[in-house]
All heavy atoms as atom14 arrays in JSON, in Angstrom:
{
  "sequence": "NREQHLELIAHAKEIGITFFSTAFDIPSADFLEDLGMPAYKIASG",
  "atom14_mask": [
    [1, 1, 1, 1, 1, 1, 1, 1, 0, 0, 0, 0, 0, 0],
    [1, 1, 1, 1, 1, 1, 1, 1, 1, 1, 1, 0, 0, 0],
    [1, 1, 1, 1, 1, 1, 1, 1, 1, 0, 0, 0, 0, 0],
    [1, 1, 1, 1, 1, 1, 1, 1, 1, 0, 0, 0, 0, 0],
    [1, 1, 1, 1, 1, 1, 1, 1, 1, 1, 0, 0, 0, 0],
    [1, 1, 1, 1, 1, 1, 1, 1, 0, 0, 0, 0, 0, 0],
    [1, 1, 1, 1, 1, 1, 1, 1, 1, 0, 0, 0, 0, 0],
    [1, 1, 1, 1, 1, 1, 1, 1, 0, 0, 0, 0, 0, 0],
    [1, 1, 1, 1, 1, 1, 1, 1, 0, 0, 0, 0, 0, 0],
    [1, 1, 1, 1, 1, 0, 0, 0, 0, 0, 0, 0, 0, 0],
    [1, 1, 1, 1, 1, 1, 1, 1, 1, 1, 0, 0, 0, 0],
    [1, 1, 1, 1, 1, 0, 0, 0, 0, 0, 0, 0, 0, 0],
    [1, 1, 1, 1, 1, 1, 1, 1, 1, 0, 0, 0, 0, 0],
    [1, 1, 1, 1, 1, 1, 1, 1, 1, 0, 0, 0, 0, 0],
    [1, 1, 1, 1, 1, 1, 1, 1, 0, 0, 0, 0, 0, 0],
    [1, 1, 1, 1, 0, 0, 0, 0, 0, 0, 0, 0, 0, 0],
    [1, 1, 1, 1, 1, 1, 1, 1, 0, 0, 0, 0, 0, 0],
    [1, 1, 1, 1, 1, 1, 1, 0, 0, 0, 0, 0, 0, 0],
    [1, 1, 1, 1, 1, 1, 1, 1, 1, 1, 1, 0, 0, 0],
    [1, 1, 1, 1, 1, 1, 1, 1, 1, 1, 1, 0, 0, 0],
    [1, 1, 1, 1, 1, 1, 0, 0, 0, 0, 0, 0, 0, 0],
    [1, 1, 1, 1, 1, 1, 1, 0, 0, 0, 0, 0, 0, 0],
    [1, 1, 1, 1, 1, 0, 0, 0, 0, 0, 0, 0, 0, 0],
    [1, 1, 1, 1, 1, 1, 1, 1, 1, 1, 1, 0, 0, 0],
    [1, 1, 1, 1, 1, 1, 1, 1, 0, 0, 0, 0, 0, 0],
    [1, 1, 1, 1, 1, 1, 1, 1, 0, 0, 0, 0, 0, 0],
    [1, 1, 1, 1, 1, 1, 1, 0, 0, 0, 0, 0, 0, 0],
    [1, 1, 1, 1, 1, 1, 0, 0, 0, 0, 0, 0, 0, 0],
    [1, 1, 1, 1, 1, 0, 0, 0, 0, 0, 0, 0, 0, 0],
    [1, 1, 1, 1, 1, 1, 1, 1, 0, 0, 0, 0, 0, 0],
    [1, 1, 1, 1, 1, 1, 1, 1, 1, 1, 1, 0, 0, 0],
    [1, 1, 1, 1, 1, 1, 1, 1, 0, 0, 0, 0, 0, 0],
    [1, 1, 1, 1, 1, 1, 1, 1, 1, 0, 0, 0, 0, 0],
    [1, 1, 1, 1, 1, 1, 1, 1, 0, 0, 0, 0, 0, 0],
    [1, 1, 1, 1, 1, 1, 1, 1, 0, 0, 0, 0, 0, 0],
    [1, 1, 1, 1, 0, 0, 0, 0, 0, 0, 0, 0, 0, 0],
    [1, 1, 1, 1, 1, 1, 1, 1, 0, 0, 0, 0, 0, 0],
    [1, 1, 1, 1, 1, 1, 1, 0, 0, 0, 0, 0, 0, 0],
    [1, 1, 1, 1, 1, 0, 0, 0, 0, 0, 0, 0, 0, 0],
    [1, 1, 1, 1, 1, 1, 1, 1, 1, 1, 1, 1, 0, 0],
    [1, 1, 1, 1, 1, 1, 1, 1, 1, 0, 0, 0, 0, 0],
    [1, 1, 1, 1, 1, 1, 1, 1, 0, 0, 0, 0, 0, 0],
    [1, 1, 1, 1, 1, 0, 0, 0, 0, 0, 0, 0, 0, 0],
    [1, 1, 1, 1, 1, 1, 0, 0, 0, 0, 0, 0, 0, 0],
    [1, 1, 1, 1, 0, 0, 0, 0, 0, 0, 0, 0, 0, 0]
  ],
  "atom14_positions": [
    [[0.82, 16.61, -2.29], [2.11, 16.97, -1.76], [2.74, 15.83, -1.02], [2.17, 14.72, -1.03], [2.06, 18.23, -0.83], [1.05, 18.0, 0.28], [0.96, 16.85, 0.85], [0.42, 19.01, 0.87], [0.0, 0.0, 0.0], [0.0, 0.0, 0.0], [0.0, 0.0, 0.0], [0.0, 0.0, 0.0], [0.0, 0.0, 0.0], [0.0, 0.0, 0.0]],
    [[3.9, 16.01, -0.33], [4.62, 15.02, 0.28], [3.77, 14.34, 1.36], [3.72, 13.11, 1.57], [5.97, 15.52, 0.83], [6.73, 14.52, 1.6], [8.04, 15.03, 2.2], [8.7, 14.07, 2.99], [9.42, 13.14, 2.53], [9.65, 13.0, 1.22], [10.03, 12.2, 3.34], [0.0, 0.0, 0.0], [0.0, 0.0, 0.0], [0.0, 0.0, 0.0]],
    [[3.16, 15.16, 2.16], [2.38, 14.65, 3.37], [1.23, 13.81, 2.88], [0.99, 12.73, 3.44], [1.89, 15.73, 4.24], [2.89, 16.51, 5.04], [3.93, 17.29, 4.23], [3.44, 17.84, 3.11], [5.07, 17.45, 4.68], [0.0, 0.0, 0.0], [0.0, 0.0, 0.0], [0.0, 0.0, 0.0], [0.0, 0.0, 0.0], [0.0, 0.0, 0.0]],
    [[0.61, 14.25, 1.78], [-0.53, 13.46, 1.26], [-0.07, 12.2, 0.68], [-0.71, 11.06, 0.78], [-1.27, 14.33, 0.23], [-2.03, 15.48, 0.75], [-2.54, 16.48, -0.3], [-1.77, 16.72, -1.27], [-3.74, 16.95, -0.13], [0.0, 0.0, 0.0], [0.0, 0.0, 0.0], [0.0, 0.0, 0.0], [0.0, 0.0, 0.0], [0.0, 0.0, 0.0]],
    [[1.15, 12.27, 0.0], [1.69, 10.98, -0.56], [1.98, 9.96, 0.58], [1.78, 8.71, 0.42], [2.98, 11.23, -1.35], [2.75, 11.49, -2.86], [2.33, 12.71, -3.28], [2.76, 10.65, -3.85], [2.16, 12.73, -4.62], [2.45, 11.42, -4.99], [0.0, 0.0, 0.0], [0.0, 0.0, 0.0], [0.0, 0.0, 0.0], [0.0, 0.0, 0.0]],
    [[2.42, 10.49, 1.7], [2.78, 9.58, 2.79], [1.58, 8.89, 3.38], [1.59, 7.75, 3.79], [3.54, 10.34, 3.87], [4.98, 10.78, 3.52], [5.51, 11.71, 4.67], [5.92, 9.56, 3.49], [0.0, 0.0, 0.0], [0.0, 0.0, 0.0], [0.0, 0.0, 0.0], [0.0, 0.0, 0.0], [0.0, 0.0, 0.0], [0.0, 0.0, 0.0]],
    [[0.49, 9.7, 3.43], [-0.86, 9.15, 3.83], [-1.24, 8.05, 2.85], [-1.83, 6.92, 3.23], [-1.82, 10.22, 3.89], [-1.87, 11.05, 5.12], [-3.13, 11.82, 5.35], [-4.25, 11.28, 5.27], [-3.04, 13.1, 5.53], [0.0, 0.0, 0.0], [0.0, 0.0, 0.0], [0.0, 0.0, 0.0], [0.0, 0.0, 0.0], [0.0, 0.0, 0.0]],
    [[-1.11, 8.28, 1.56], [-1.52, 7.31, 0.57], [-0.66, 5.99, 0.62], [-1.21, 4.87, 0.52], [-1.48, 7.82, -0.83], [-2.5, 9.02, -1.05], [-2.19, 9.62, -2.43], [-3.95, 8.35, -1.09], [0.0, 0.0, 0.0], [0.0, 0.0, 0.0], [0.0, 0.0, 0.0], [0.0, 0.0, 0.0], [0.0, 0.0, 0.0], [0.0, 0.0, 0.0]],
    [[0.61, 6.21, 0.91], [1.55, 5.01, 1.06], [1.11, 4.19, 2.17], [1.05, 2.94, 2.11], [3.02, 5.51, 1.13], [3.46, 6.11, -0.24], [3.87, 4.35, 1.63], [4.78, 6.79, -0.15], [0.0, 0.0, 0.0], [0.0, 0.0, 0.0], [0.0, 0.0, 0.0], [0.0, 0.0, 0.0], [0.0, 0.0, 0.0], [0.0, 0.0, 0.0]],
    [[0.84, 4.86, 3.24], [0.48, 4.12, 4.47], [-0.91, 3.38, 4.28], [-1.11, 2.32, 4.74], [0.31, 5.07, 5.6], [0.0, 0.0, 0.0], [0.0, 0.0, 0.0], [0.0, 0.0, 0.0], [0.0, 0.0, 0.0], [0.0, 0.0, 0.0], [0.0, 0.0, 0.0], [0.0, 0.0, 0.0], [0.0, 0.0, 0.0], [0.0, 0.0, 0.0]],
    [[-1.8, 4.04, 3.6], [-3.12, 3.5, 3.37], [-3.04, 2.27, 2.45], [-3.71, 1.18, 2.7], [-4.03, 4.53, 2.72], [-5.5, 4.15, 2.7], [-6.3, 3.91, 3.84], [-6.36, 3.84, 1.63], [-7.52, 3.43, 3.42], [-7.52, 3.48, 2.11], [0.0, 0.0, 0.0], [0.0, 0.0, 0.0], [0.0, 0.0, 0.0], [0.0, 0.0, 0.0]],
    [[-2.17, 2.42, 1.41], [-2.07, 1.25, 0.52], [-1.51, 0.01, 1.18], [-1.88, -1.07, 1.01], [-1.12, 1.64, -0.65], [0.0, 0.0, 0.0], [0.0, 0.0, 0.0], [0.0, 0.0, 0.0], [0.0, 0.0, 0.0], [0.0, 0.0, 0.0], [0.0, 0.0, 0.0], [0.0, 0.0, 0.0], [0.0, 0.0, 0.0], [0.0, 0.0, 0.0]],
    [[-0.55, 0.27, 2.13], [0.1, -0.84, 2.89], [-0.96, -1.48, 3.77], [-1.07, -2.64, 3.89], [1.31, -0.33, 3.66], [2.54, -0.01, 2.82], [3.68, 0.45, 3.64], [4.95, 0.65, 2.8], [6.02, 1.16, 3.55], [0.0, 0.0, 0.0], [0.0, 0.0, 0.0], [0.0, 0.0, 0.0], [0.0, 0.0, 0.0], [0.0, 0.0, 0.0]],
    [[-1.76, -0.63, 4.37], [-2.8, -1.06, 5.36], [-3.84, -1.94, 4.61], [-4.18, -3.05, 5.21], [-3.45, 0.1, 6.0], [-4.57, -0.28, 6.97], [-5.3, 0.87, 7.52], [-4.87, 2.04, 7.32], [-6.29, 0.71, 8.23], [0.0, 0.0, 0.0], [0.0, 0.0, 0.0], [0.0, 0.0, 0.0], [0.0, 0.0, 0.0], [0.0, 0.0, 0.0]],
    [[-4.14, -1.7, 3.37], [-5.23, -2.47, 2.76], [-4.62, -3.56, 1.87], [-5.34, -4.4, 1.29], [-6.17, -1.54, 1.98], [-5.34, -0.89, 0.74], [-6.83, -0.56, 2.82], [-6.34, -0.12, -0.19], [0.0, 0.0, 0.0], [0.0, 0.0, 0.0], [0.0, 0.0, 0.0], [0.0, 0.0, 0.0], [0.0, 0.0, 0.0], [0.0, 0.0, 0.0]],
    [[-3.33, -3.49, 1.7], [-2.62, -4.56, 0.95], [-2.65, -4.46, -0.55], [-2.89, -5.47, -1.23], [0.0, 0.0, 0.0], [0.0, 0.0, 0.0], [0.0, 0.0, 0.0], [0.0, 0.0, 0.0], [0.0, 0.0, 0.0], [0.0, 0.0, 0.0], [0.0, 0.0, 0.0], [0.0, 0.0, 0.0], [0.0, 0.0, 0.0], [0.0, 0.0, 0.0]],
    [[-2.43, -3.27, -1.06], [-2.32, -3.05, -2.49], [-1.05, -2.28, -2.81], [-0.64, -1.39, -2.02], [-3.59, -2.33, -3.06], [-3.59, -2.44, -4.63], [-3.7, -0.91, -2.6], [-4.95, -2.18, -5.26], [0.0, 0.0, 0.0], [0.0, 0.0, 0.0], [0.0, 0.0, 0.0], [0.0, 0.0, 0.0], [0.0, 0.0, 0.0], [0.0, 0.0, 0.0]],
    [[-0.39, -2.56, -3.88], [0.84, -1.9, -4.25], [0.47, -0.51, -4.87], [-0.4, -0.31, -5.64], [1.58, -2.66, -5.23], [2.06, -3.92, -4.65], [2.9, -2.0, -5.71], [0.0, 0.0, 0.0], [0.0, 0.0, 0.0], [0.0, 0.0, 0.0], [0.0, 0.0, 0.0], [0.0, 0.0, 0.0], [0.0, 0.0, 0.0], [0.0, 0.0, 0.0]],
    [[1.19, 0.48, -4.51], [1.06, 1.85, -4.91], [2.28, 2.39, -5.52], [3.38, 2.42, -4.87], [0.5, 2.69, -3.84], [0.66, 4.26, -3.97], [0.43, 4.82, -5.19], [1.12, 5.01, -2.97], [0.58, 6.2, -5.41], [1.27, 6.4, -3.13], [1.02, 7.03, -4.32], [0.0, 0.0, 0.0], [0.0, 0.0, 0.0], [0.0, 0.0, 0.0]],
    [[2.27, 2.83, -6.75], [3.41, 3.57, -7.33], [2.85, 4.61, -8.32], [1.74, 4.79, -8.5], [4.44, 2.62, -8.02], [3.88, 1.79, -9.14], [4.12, 2.24, -10.45], [3.23, 0.56, -8.91], [3.62, 1.44, -11.51], [2.75, -0.2, -9.99], [2.99, 0.2, -11.35], [0.0, 0.0, 0.0], [0.0, 0.0, 0.0], [0.0, 0.0, 0.0]],
    [[3.89, 5.28, -8.98], [3.39, 6.51, -9.75], [4.22, 6.57, -11.09], [5.24, 5.89, -11.26], [3.61, 7.76, -8.99], [2.59, 8.19, -8.2], [0.0, 0.0, 0.0], [0.0, 0.0, 0.0], [0.0, 0.0, 0.0], [0.0, 0.0, 0.0], [0.0, 0.0, 0.0], [0.0, 0.0, 0.0], [0.0, 0.0, 0.0], [0.0, 0.0, 0.0]],
    [[3.69, 7.38, -11.95], [4.35, 7.78, -13.14], [5.13, 9.03, -12.85], [4.56, 10.01, -12.37], [3.31, 8.09, -14.32], [2.64, 6.96, -14.61], [4.11, 8.57, -15.56], [0.0, 0.0, 0.0], [0.0, 0.0, 0.0], [0.0, 0.0, 0.0], [0.0, 0.0, 0.0], [0.0, 0.0, 0.0], [0.0, 0.0, 0.0], [0.0, 0.0, 0.0]],
    [[6.48, 9.03, -13.08], [7.33, 10.19, -12.97], [7.33, 10.94, -14.29], [7.86, 10.37, -15.31], [8.67, 9.76, -12.51], [0.0, 0.0, 0.0], [0.0, 0.0, 0.0], [0.0, 0.0, 0.0], [0.0, 0.0, 0.0], [0.0, 0.0, 0.0], [0.0, 0.0, 0.0], [0.0, 0.0, 0.0], [0.0, 0.0, 0.0], [0.0, 0.0, 0.0]],
    [[6.87, 12.1, -14.4], [6.84, 12.86, -15.55], [8.11, 13.75, -15.88], [8.24, 14.33, -16.89], [5.54, 13.69, -15.72], [4.4, 12.98, -16.26], [3.67, 12.16, -15.3], [3.96, 13.05, -17.47], [2.51, 11.51, -15.78], [2.85, 12.38, -17.96], [2.09, 11.57, -17.01], [0.0, 0.0, 0.0], [0.0, 0.0, 0.0], [0.0, 0.0, 0.0]],
    [[8.99, 13.82, -14.91], [10.11, 14.63, -15.04], [11.13, 14.23, -13.88], [10.8, 13.51, -13.01], [9.83, 16.16, -14.84], [8.84, 16.39, -13.64], [9.43, 16.41, -12.46], [7.63, 16.51, -13.85], [0.0, 0.0, 0.0], [0.0, 0.0, 0.0], [0.0, 0.0, 0.0], [0.0, 0.0, 0.0], [0.0, 0.0, 0.0], [0.0, 0.0, 0.0]],
    [[12.38, 14.74, -13.98], [13.35, 14.33, -13.03], [13.06, 14.73, -11.64], [13.26, 14.05, -10.63], [14.81, 14.83, -13.6], [15.2, 13.9, -14.72], [15.8, 14.67, -12.36], [16.53, 14.38, -15.35], [0.0, 0.0, 0.0], [0.0, 0.0, 0.0], [0.0, 0.0, 0.0], [0.0, 0.0, 0.0], [0.0, 0.0, 0.0], [0.0, 0.0, 0.0]],
    [[12.68, 16.07, -11.4], [12.28, 16.43, -10.03], [11.19, 15.51, -9.43], [11.22, 15.15, -8.29], [11.84, 17.88, -10.11], [12.57, 18.34, -11.38], [12.59, 17.23, -12.26], [0.0, 0.0, 0.0], [0.0, 0.0, 0.0], [0.0, 0.0, 0.0], [0.0, 0.0, 0.0], [0.0, 0.0, 0.0], [0.0, 0.0, 0.0], [0.0, 0.0, 0.0]],
    [[10.22, 15.11, -10.23], [9.12, 14.22, -9.74], [9.68, 12.86, -9.43], [9.28, 12.25, -8.46], [8.01, 14.13, -10.77], [7.36, 15.4, -10.92], [0.0, 0.0, 0.0], [0.0, 0.0, 0.0], [0.0, 0.0, 0.0], [0.0, 0.0, 0.0], [0.0, 0.0, 0.0], [0.0, 0.0, 0.0], [0.0, 0.0, 0.0], [0.0, 0.0, 0.0]],
    [[10.58, 12.41, -10.25], [11.16, 11.14, -10.01], [12.0, 11.08, -8.7], [11.86, 10.13, -7.92], [12.18, 10.71, -11.16], [0.0, 0.0, 0.0], [0.0, 0.0, 0.0], [0.0, 0.0, 0.0], [0.0, 0.0, 0.0], [0.0, 0.0, 0.0], [0.0, 0.0, 0.0], [0.0, 0.0, 0.0], [0.0, 0.0, 0.0], [0.0, 0.0, 0.0]],
    [[12.68, 12.2, -8.44], [13.45, 12.34, -7.16], [12.48, 12.32, -5.97], [12.71, 11.72, -4.96], [14.33, 13.5, -7.22], [15.5, 13.31, -8.15], [15.86, 12.18, -8.47], [16.08, 14.35, -8.56], [0.0, 0.0, 0.0], [0.0, 0.0, 0.0], [0.0, 0.0, 0.0], [0.0, 0.0, 0.0], [0.0, 0.0, 0.0], [0.0, 0.0, 0.0]],
    [[11.4, 13.1, -6.11], [10.34, 13.18, -5.16], [9.83, 11.81, -4.79], [9.74, 11.47, -3.59], [9.23, 14.06, -5.59], [8.02, 14.15, -4.76], [7.93, 15.16, -3.83], [6.94, 13.29, -4.9], [6.78, 15.2, -3.04], [5.84, 13.36, -4.12], [5.73, 14.36, -3.16], [0.0, 0.0, 0.0], [0.0, 0.0, 0.0], [0.0, 0.0, 0.0]],
    [[9.55, 11.02, -5.83], [8.9, 9.64, -5.55], [9.96, 8.71, -4.99], [9.67, 7.91, -4.12], [8.38, 9.09, -6.88], [7.22, 9.89, -7.56], [6.89, 9.42, -8.93], [5.92, 9.7, -6.64], [0.0, 0.0, 0.0], [0.0, 0.0, 0.0], [0.0, 0.0, 0.0], [0.0, 0.0, 0.0], [0.0, 0.0, 0.0], [0.0, 0.0, 0.0]],
    [[11.18, 8.79, -5.46], [12.21, 7.94, -4.94], [12.46, 8.26, -3.46], [12.7, 7.27, -2.66], [13.54, 8.05, -5.71], [14.64, 7.18, -5.28], [14.38, 5.66, -5.34], [13.38, 5.26, -5.93], [15.25, 4.9, -4.69], [0.0, 0.0, 0.0], [0.0, 0.0, 0.0], [0.0, 0.0, 0.0], [0.0, 0.0, 0.0], [0.0, 0.0, 0.0]],
    [[12.4, 9.42, -3.06], [12.56, 9.87, -1.69], [11.53, 9.26, -0.79], [11.68, 8.95, 0.42], [12.6, 11.33, -1.51], [12.95, 11.78, -0.05], [14.03, 11.41, 0.42], [12.15, 12.48, 0.53], [0.0, 0.0, 0.0], [0.0, 0.0, 0.0], [0.0, 0.0, 0.0], [0.0, 0.0, 0.0], [0.0, 0.0, 0.0], [0.0, 0.0, 0.0]],
    [[10.31, 8.93, -1.46], [9.25, 8.3, -0.72], [9.31, 6.8, -0.73], [8.52, 6.09, -0.01], [7.89, 8.7, -1.26], [7.57, 10.26, -1.18], [6.34, 10.53, -2.05], [7.3, 10.58, 0.2], [0.0, 0.0, 0.0], [0.0, 0.0, 0.0], [0.0, 0.0, 0.0], [0.0, 0.0, 0.0], [0.0, 0.0, 0.0], [0.0, 0.0, 0.0]],
    [[10.26, 6.21, -1.46], [10.48, 4.76, -1.44], [9.5, 4.01, -2.41], [9.08, 2.91, -2.02], [0.0, 0.0, 0.0], [0.0, 0.0, 0.0], [0.0, 0.0, 0.0], [0.0, 0.0, 0.0], [0.0, 0.0, 0.0], [0.0, 0.0, 0.0], [0.0, 0.0, 0.0], [0.0, 0.0, 0.0], [0.0, 0.0, 0.0], [0.0, 0.0, 0.0]],
    [[9.16, 4.57, -3.48], [8.25, 3.91, -4.45], [8.85, 2.47, -4.85], [10.07, 2.49, -5.07], [8.08, 4.68, -5.69], [7.11, 5.91, -5.45], [5.41, 5.38, -5.3], [4.72, 6.76, -4.34], [0.0, 0.0, 0.0], [0.0, 0.0, 0.0], [0.0, 0.0, 0.0], [0.0, 0.0, 0.0], [0.0, 0.0, 0.0], [0.0, 0.0, 0.0]],
    [[8.04, 1.51, -4.94], [8.48, 0.16, -5.29], [8.73, -0.02, -6.74], [9.34, -0.97, -7.17], [7.38, -0.74, -4.8], [6.16, 0.03, -4.89], [6.55, 1.46, -4.61], [0.0, 0.0, 0.0], [0.0, 0.0, 0.0], [0.0, 0.0, 0.0], [0.0, 0.0, 0.0], [0.0, 0.0, 0.0], [0.0, 0.0, 0.0], [0.0, 0.0, 0.0]],
    [[8.16, 0.95, -7.64], [8.34, 0.73, -9.13], [8.03, 2.08, -9.68], [7.54, 2.96, -9.06], [7.36, -0.33, -9.63], [0.0, 0.0, 0.0], [0.0, 0.0, 0.0], [0.0, 0.0, 0.0], [0.0, 0.0, 0.0], [0.0, 0.0, 0.0], [0.0, 0.0, 0.0], [0.0, 0.0, 0.0], [0.0, 0.0, 0.0], [0.0, 0.0, 0.0]],
    [[8.36, 2.2, -11.0], [8.15, 3.42, -11.64], [7.42, 3.17, -13.03], [7.84, 2.24, -13.77], [9.47, 4.27, -11.87], [9.94, 4.8, -10.58], [10.82, 3.99, -9.81], [9.6, 5.95, -10.19], [11.31, 4.45, -8.59], [10.05, 6.45, -8.91], [10.87, 5.67, -8.16], [11.4, 6.16, -6.94], [0.0, 0.0, 0.0], [0.0, 0.0, 0.0]],
    [[6.54, 4.02, -13.4], [5.92, 4.01, -14.73], [6.52, 5.27, -15.45], [6.68, 6.33, -14.93], [4.46, 4.19, -14.62], [3.73, 4.35, -15.95], [3.72, 3.05, -16.77], [3.27, 3.32, -18.2], [1.82, 3.79, -18.25], [0.0, 0.0, 0.0], [0.0, 0.0, 0.0], [0.0, 0.0, 0.0], [0.0, 0.0, 0.0], [0.0, 0.0, 0.0]],
    [[6.82, 4.96, -16.75], [7.16, 6.14, -17.66], [6.07, 6.23, -18.71], [5.76, 5.23, -19.37], [8.56, 5.88, -18.32], [9.64, 5.66, -17.24], [8.86, 6.99, -19.35], [9.95, 6.95, -16.4], [0.0, 0.0, 0.0], [0.0, 0.0, 0.0], [0.0, 0.0, 0.0], [0.0, 0.0, 0.0], [0.0, 0.0, 0.0], [0.0, 0.0, 0.0]],
    [[5.51, 7.34, -18.84], [4.44, 7.6, -19.82], [4.9, 7.56, -21.23], [6.14, 7.72, -21.42], [3.68, 8.9, -19.52], [0.0, 0.0, 0.0], [0.0, 0.0, 0.0], [0.0, 0.0, 0.0], [0.0, 0.0, 0.0], [0.0, 0.0, 0.0], [0.0, 0.0, 0.0], [0.0, 0.0, 0.0], [0.0, 0.0, 0.0], [0.0, 0.0, 0.0]],
    [[3.99, 7.33, -22.1], [4.38, 7.19, -23.52], [5.1, 8.4, -24.09], [6.1, 8.28, -24.77], [3.08, 7.03, -24.38], [2.45, 5.75, -24.21], [0.0, 0.0, 0.0], [0.0, 0.0, 0.0], [0.0, 0.0, 0.0], [0.0, 0.0, 0.0], [0.0, 0.0, 0.0], [0.0, 0.0, 0.0], [0.0, 0.0, 0.0], [0.0, 0.0, 0.0]],
    [[4.68, 9.58, -23.59], [5.35, 10.79, -24.05], [6.8, 10.92, -23.68], [7.46, 11.75, -24.2], [0.0, 0.0, 0.0], [0.0, 0.0, 0.0], [0.0, 0.0, 0.0], [0.0, 0.0, 0.0], [0.0, 0.0, 0.0], [0.0, 0.0, 0.0], [0.0, 0.0, 0.0], [0.0, 0.0, 0.0], [0.0, 0.0, 0.0], [0.0, 0.0, 0.0]]
  ]
}
């Protein structure tokens, strides 16, 4: 969920690795963009 994503974003920044996600649909893309993802993956499908 959102809170868990925020924890993961903070953890990735703390250890110095880039974190982003694959958006499988438009609601998920909006969810990720609201979190400030630095990049997006689009799956083959």
